[in-house]
Each structure stands twice: as C-alpha cells, then as structure tokens.
Amino acid sequence: MMSGDAMDGPDGPLASPFAPPVKRSVTIAGHQTAISLEPIFWDALRDHAQRESLPLNALIARIDLARMGASDPPNLASAIRCWLFARAICDKDNNYSQ
C-alpha cells in the first residue's frame, strides 16, 4: 500500500485515513509558513475552501486569526484540525435537522 496525499497520491480520494502528515507551504498575511497535516485533513480543508469560494490560503488565514483570539492559542495545525472537526459536527447536526 502506498501512502501520500489522498488527492494527489496513487490511492486517490479513498486513501487510508492513517497516512502520515504531509507538509505544505502556505502564505498567511504575506508570510510563508509550513503546515503538516494528514492527507484527510488537507482534503477536508480544500473542500471547505471550495464551498466558501475561497483560496486555500485565505481559509487558513481565517482559521489562524480565529485561533489567535483564544486565551491559549493552539498551534496552527491543531487549530485547523479542531476547526474542521467542529465544522463536521455542525454539518452533521444540520443534516439531521433538515
């Protein structure tokens, strides 16, 4: 079994959710930074960016700004995972109420 990015890798969108993190460079507020996320989170992040008609960097910048408002801000990768999980819960709740 080959590992890698679920979108770009040989396993396609149904790749294992247990693939190792993939490091990507992003630009936030004019500064380059690297973020390591598992492919399943990169895929979810791209999906949310598309749904909101935002470039991926813009969505990450929004999440970054929100995390900085926390009393004890987590690192950016953790904030992204938490943000995505919270959105998944909200989406699930909205689907049940319809």
N, C-alpha and C. Protein backbone atom coordinates (compact mmCIF):
# COMPACT_ATOMS: atom_id res chain seq x y z
N MET A 1 0.85 -1.18 0.00
CA MET A 1 0.00 0.00 0.00
C MET A 1 0.89 1.23 0.00
N MET A 2 0.60 2.17 -0.87
CA MET A 2 1.39 3.38 -0.95
C MET A 2 0.72 4.46 -0.12
N SER A 3 1.53 5.29 0.51
CA SER A 3 0.97 6.39 1.30
C SER A 3 1.20 7.69 0.57
N GLY A 4 0.60 8.74 1.07
CA GLY A 4 0.78 10.04 0.45
C GLY A 4 -0.50 10.81 0.50
N ASP A 5 -0.51 11.88 -0.20
CA ASP A 5 -1.67 12.76 -0.22
C ASP A 5 -2.84 12.04 -0.89
N ALA A 6 -3.99 12.04 -0.23
CA ALA A 6 -5.15 11.33 -0.77
C ALA A 6 -5.62 11.94 -2.09
N MET A 7 -5.46 13.24 -2.27
CA MET A 7 -5.86 13.87 -3.53
C MET A 7 -4.85 13.60 -4.63
N ASP A 8 -3.57 13.71 -4.32
CA ASP A 8 -2.52 13.64 -5.31
C ASP A 8 -1.89 12.26 -5.43
N GLY A 9 -2.04 11.47 -4.40
CA GLY A 9 -1.34 10.19 -4.34
C GLY A 9 -2.00 9.11 -5.16
N PRO A 10 -1.34 7.99 -5.26
CA PRO A 10 -1.83 6.89 -6.09
C PRO A 10 -3.08 6.23 -5.53
N ASP A 11 -3.40 6.46 -4.28
CA ASP A 11 -4.58 5.83 -3.70
C ASP A 11 -5.85 6.62 -3.95
N GLY A 12 -5.75 7.83 -4.44
CA GLY A 12 -6.92 8.65 -4.75
C GLY A 12 -7.67 9.08 -3.51
N PRO A 13 -8.91 9.55 -3.70
CA PRO A 13 -9.68 10.11 -2.59
C PRO A 13 -10.06 9.10 -1.50
N LEU A 14 -9.90 7.83 -1.77
CA LEU A 14 -10.24 6.83 -0.75
C LEU A 14 -9.00 6.28 -0.06
N ALA A 15 -7.93 7.08 -0.05
CA ALA A 15 -6.69 6.65 0.59
C ALA A 15 -6.93 6.44 2.08
N SER A 16 -6.03 5.71 2.69
CA SER A 16 -6.14 5.42 4.11
C SER A 16 -6.20 6.69 4.94
N PRO A 17 -7.09 6.75 5.92
CA PRO A 17 -7.12 7.92 6.80
C PRO A 17 -5.93 7.94 7.76
N PHE A 18 -5.11 6.89 7.72
CA PHE A 18 -3.98 6.79 8.63
C PHE A 18 -2.66 7.12 7.95
N ALA A 19 -2.71 7.83 6.84
CA ALA A 19 -1.50 8.23 6.14
C ALA A 19 -0.73 9.24 6.99
N PRO A 20 0.57 9.28 6.85
CA PRO A 20 1.37 10.22 7.64
C PRO A 20 1.14 11.67 7.19
N PRO A 21 1.48 12.62 8.04
CA PRO A 21 1.30 14.03 7.68
C PRO A 21 2.08 14.42 6.43
N VAL A 22 1.52 15.39 5.72
CA VAL A 22 2.15 15.96 4.53
C VAL A 22 2.39 17.43 4.83
N LYS A 23 3.61 17.88 4.61
CA LYS A 23 3.96 19.28 4.88
C LYS A 23 3.74 20.11 3.61
N ARG A 24 3.05 21.24 3.77
CA ARG A 24 2.79 22.16 2.66
C ARG A 24 3.17 23.56 3.11
N SER A 25 3.63 24.36 2.16
CA SER A 25 3.91 25.77 2.43
C SER A 25 2.68 26.59 2.08
N VAL A 26 2.33 27.51 2.95
CA VAL A 26 1.21 28.41 2.72
C VAL A 26 1.66 29.83 3.07
N THR A 27 0.94 30.79 2.52
CA THR A 27 1.22 32.19 2.82
C THR A 27 0.07 32.76 3.61
N ILE A 28 0.37 33.29 4.79
CA ILE A 28 -0.63 33.90 5.66
C ILE A 28 -0.16 35.31 5.97
N ALA A 29 -0.99 36.28 5.63
CA ALA A 29 -0.66 37.69 5.87
C ALA A 29 0.72 38.04 5.32
N GLY A 30 1.01 37.53 4.13
CA GLY A 30 2.27 37.85 3.48
C GLY A 30 3.48 37.08 3.97
N HIS A 31 3.28 36.14 4.89
CA HIS A 31 4.41 35.37 5.44
C HIS A 31 4.25 33.90 5.08
N GLN A 32 5.33 33.29 4.62
CA GLN A 32 5.34 31.86 4.32
C GLN A 32 5.45 31.07 5.62
N THR A 33 4.69 30.01 5.71
CA THR A 33 4.81 29.09 6.84
C THR A 33 4.53 27.69 6.32
N ALA A 34 4.99 26.70 7.02
CA ALA A 34 4.75 25.31 6.64
C ALA A 34 3.79 24.68 7.65
N ILE A 35 2.86 23.91 7.12
CA ILE A 35 1.87 23.23 7.96
C ILE A 35 1.92 21.75 7.61
N SER A 36 1.96 20.91 8.62
CA SER A 36 1.92 19.46 8.43
C SER A 36 0.56 18.95 8.88
N LEU A 37 -0.17 18.37 7.93
CA LEU A 37 -1.47 17.77 8.21
C LEU A 37 -1.56 16.43 7.50
N GLU A 38 -2.35 15.54 8.05
CA GLU A 38 -2.62 14.29 7.39
C GLU A 38 -3.43 14.57 6.12
N PRO A 39 -3.28 13.74 5.09
CA PRO A 39 -3.99 13.98 3.83
C PRO A 39 -5.50 14.15 3.98
N ILE A 40 -6.10 13.41 4.90
CA ILE A 40 -7.56 13.53 5.08
C ILE A 40 -7.95 14.95 5.51
N PHE A 41 -7.08 15.61 6.29
CA PHE A 41 -7.35 16.99 6.70
C PHE A 41 -7.09 17.97 5.56
N TRP A 42 -6.05 17.73 4.75
CA TRP A 42 -5.83 18.60 3.58
C TRP A 42 -7.03 18.52 2.64
N ASP A 43 -7.55 17.31 2.44
CA ASP A 43 -8.72 17.14 1.57
C ASP A 43 -9.93 17.89 2.12
N ALA A 44 -10.18 17.75 3.41
CA ALA A 44 -11.32 18.42 4.03
C ALA A 44 -11.16 19.93 3.97
N LEU A 45 -9.94 20.41 4.18
CA LEU A 45 -9.67 21.84 4.12
C LEU A 45 -9.92 22.38 2.72
N ARG A 46 -9.46 21.66 1.70
CA ARG A 46 -9.71 22.07 0.30
C ARG A 46 -11.21 22.08 0.01
N ASP A 47 -11.93 21.08 0.49
CA ASP A 47 -13.38 21.03 0.28
C ASP A 47 -14.07 22.25 0.89
N HIS A 48 -13.70 22.60 2.12
CA HIS A 48 -14.31 23.76 2.78
C HIS A 48 -13.96 25.05 2.05
N ALA A 49 -12.73 25.17 1.59
CA ALA A 49 -12.32 26.36 0.84
C ALA A 49 -13.16 26.49 -0.44
N GLN A 50 -13.37 25.39 -1.14
CA GLN A 50 -14.19 25.41 -2.35
C GLN A 50 -15.63 25.79 -2.03
N ARG A 51 -16.19 25.22 -0.96
CA ARG A 51 -17.56 25.54 -0.57
C ARG A 51 -17.74 27.01 -0.26
N GLU A 52 -16.70 27.61 0.33
CA GLU A 52 -16.78 29.03 0.70
C GLU A 52 -16.22 29.94 -0.39
N SER A 53 -15.88 29.35 -1.54
CA SER A 53 -15.32 30.10 -2.68
C SER A 53 -14.11 30.93 -2.25
N LEU A 54 -13.23 30.31 -1.49
CA LEU A 54 -12.02 30.97 -1.00
C LEU A 54 -10.79 30.21 -1.47
N PRO A 55 -9.71 30.93 -1.70
CA PRO A 55 -8.44 30.23 -1.89
C PRO A 55 -8.07 29.52 -0.58
N LEU A 56 -7.35 28.43 -0.69
CA LEU A 56 -6.96 27.67 0.50
C LEU A 56 -6.22 28.55 1.50
N ASN A 57 -5.29 29.38 1.02
CA ASN A 57 -4.54 30.25 1.93
C ASN A 57 -5.45 31.20 2.70
N ALA A 58 -6.51 31.68 2.05
CA ALA A 58 -7.43 32.61 2.71
C ALA A 58 -8.20 31.91 3.83
N LEU A 59 -8.62 30.68 3.59
CA LEU A 59 -9.32 29.94 4.64
C LEU A 59 -8.37 29.67 5.82
N ILE A 60 -7.14 29.28 5.51
CA ILE A 60 -6.17 29.05 6.58
C ILE A 60 -5.92 30.33 7.36
N ALA A 61 -5.86 31.47 6.67
CA ALA A 61 -5.66 32.75 7.35
C ALA A 61 -6.83 33.06 8.29
N ARG A 62 -8.06 32.74 7.88
CA ARG A 62 -9.23 32.94 8.76
C ARG A 62 -9.13 32.08 10.02
N ILE A 63 -8.74 30.82 9.82
CA ILE A 63 -8.60 29.92 10.96
C ILE A 63 -7.49 30.43 11.88
N ASP A 64 -6.40 30.90 11.29
CA ASP A 64 -5.29 31.44 12.07
C ASP A 64 -5.74 32.63 12.90
N LEU A 65 -6.48 33.53 12.30
CA LEU A 65 -6.97 34.71 13.02
C LEU A 65 -7.89 34.30 14.17
N ALA A 66 -8.77 33.33 13.93
CA ALA A 66 -9.68 32.86 14.97
C ALA A 66 -8.92 32.21 16.12
N ARG A 67 -7.89 31.42 15.80
CA ARG A 67 -7.14 30.74 16.87
C ARG A 67 -6.39 31.73 17.74
N MET A 68 -5.95 32.84 17.15
CA MET A 68 -5.20 33.83 17.91
C MET A 68 -6.09 34.55 18.93
N GLY A 69 -7.41 34.44 18.76
CA GLY A 69 -8.34 35.02 19.72
C GLY A 69 -8.55 34.16 20.95
N ALA A 70 -8.04 32.95 20.93
CA ALA A 70 -8.19 32.05 22.08
C ALA A 70 -7.26 32.48 23.21
N SER A 71 -7.66 32.21 24.44
CA SER A 71 -6.83 32.60 25.59
C SER A 71 -5.49 31.86 25.59
N ASP A 72 -5.47 30.65 25.10
CA ASP A 72 -4.24 29.87 24.99
C ASP A 72 -4.22 29.24 23.60
N PRO A 73 -3.81 30.01 22.57
CA PRO A 73 -3.92 29.53 21.19
C PRO A 73 -3.12 28.25 20.93
N PRO A 74 -3.74 27.29 20.26
CA PRO A 74 -3.02 26.07 19.88
C PRO A 74 -2.12 26.38 18.68
N ASN A 75 -1.28 25.43 18.31
CA ASN A 75 -0.50 25.62 17.08
C ASN A 75 -1.46 25.58 15.89
N LEU A 76 -1.02 26.08 14.76
CA LEU A 76 -1.91 26.23 13.61
C LEU A 76 -2.46 24.90 13.10
N ALA A 77 -1.62 23.88 13.03
CA ALA A 77 -2.10 22.57 12.56
C ALA A 77 -3.21 22.04 13.47
N SER A 78 -3.03 22.16 14.77
CA SER A 78 -4.07 21.72 15.71
C SER A 78 -5.33 22.54 15.54
N ALA A 79 -5.18 23.85 15.36
CA ALA A 79 -6.35 24.71 15.17
C ALA A 79 -7.12 24.32 13.92
N ILE A 80 -6.40 23.98 12.85
CA ILE A 80 -7.07 23.56 11.61
C ILE A 80 -7.85 22.27 11.84
N ARG A 81 -7.24 21.31 12.50
CA ARG A 81 -7.93 20.04 12.77
C ARG A 81 -9.18 20.26 13.62
N CYS A 82 -9.06 21.09 14.66
CA CYS A 82 -10.21 21.38 15.52
C CYS A 82 -11.30 22.11 14.75
N TRP A 83 -10.91 23.08 13.92
CA TRP A 83 -11.87 23.84 13.12
C TRP A 83 -12.64 22.89 12.19
N LEU A 84 -11.90 22.00 11.53
CA LEU A 84 -12.53 21.04 10.62
C LEU A 84 -13.47 20.10 11.37
N PHE A 85 -13.05 19.64 12.54
CA PHE A 85 -13.89 18.74 13.32
C PHE A 85 -15.16 19.46 13.75
N ALA A 86 -15.03 20.70 14.21
CA ALA A 86 -16.21 21.48 14.61
C ALA A 86 -17.16 21.66 13.43
N ARG A 87 -16.62 21.92 12.24
CA ARG A 87 -17.48 22.07 11.05
C ARG A 87 -18.18 20.76 10.71
N ALA A 88 -17.47 19.65 10.87
CA ALA A 88 -18.07 18.34 10.59
C ALA A 88 -19.24 18.08 11.53
N ILE A 89 -19.09 18.44 12.80
CA ILE A 89 -20.17 18.27 13.78
C ILE A 89 -21.35 19.16 13.40
N CYS A 90 -21.07 20.41 13.04
CA CYS A 90 -22.15 21.33 12.64
C CYS A 90 -22.87 20.82 11.40
N ASP A 91 -22.10 20.34 10.42
CA ASP A 91 -22.71 19.82 9.19
C ASP A 91 -23.59 18.62 9.50
N LYS A 92 -23.10 17.75 10.38
CA LYS A 92 -23.87 16.55 10.76
C LYS A 92 -25.18 16.97 11.45
N ASP A 93 -25.09 17.91 12.38
CA ASP A 93 -26.28 18.38 13.09
C ASP A 93 -27.27 19.04 12.13
N ASN A 94 -26.76 19.82 11.18
CA ASN A 94 -27.64 20.47 10.20
C ASN A 94 -28.32 19.46 9.30
N ASN A 95 -27.61 18.38 8.96
CA ASN A 95 -28.22 17.35 8.11
C ASN A 95 -29.33 16.59 8.85
N TYR A 96 -29.16 16.38 10.15
CA TYR A 96 -30.19 15.69 10.92
C TYR A 96 -31.43 16.53 11.13
N SER A 97 -31.26 17.85 11.19
CA SER A 97 -32.40 18.72 11.47
C SER A 97 -33.21 19.06 10.22
N GLN A 98 -32.72 18.66 9.06
CA GLN A 98 -33.45 19.01 7.82
C GLN A 98 -34.47 17.98 7.44
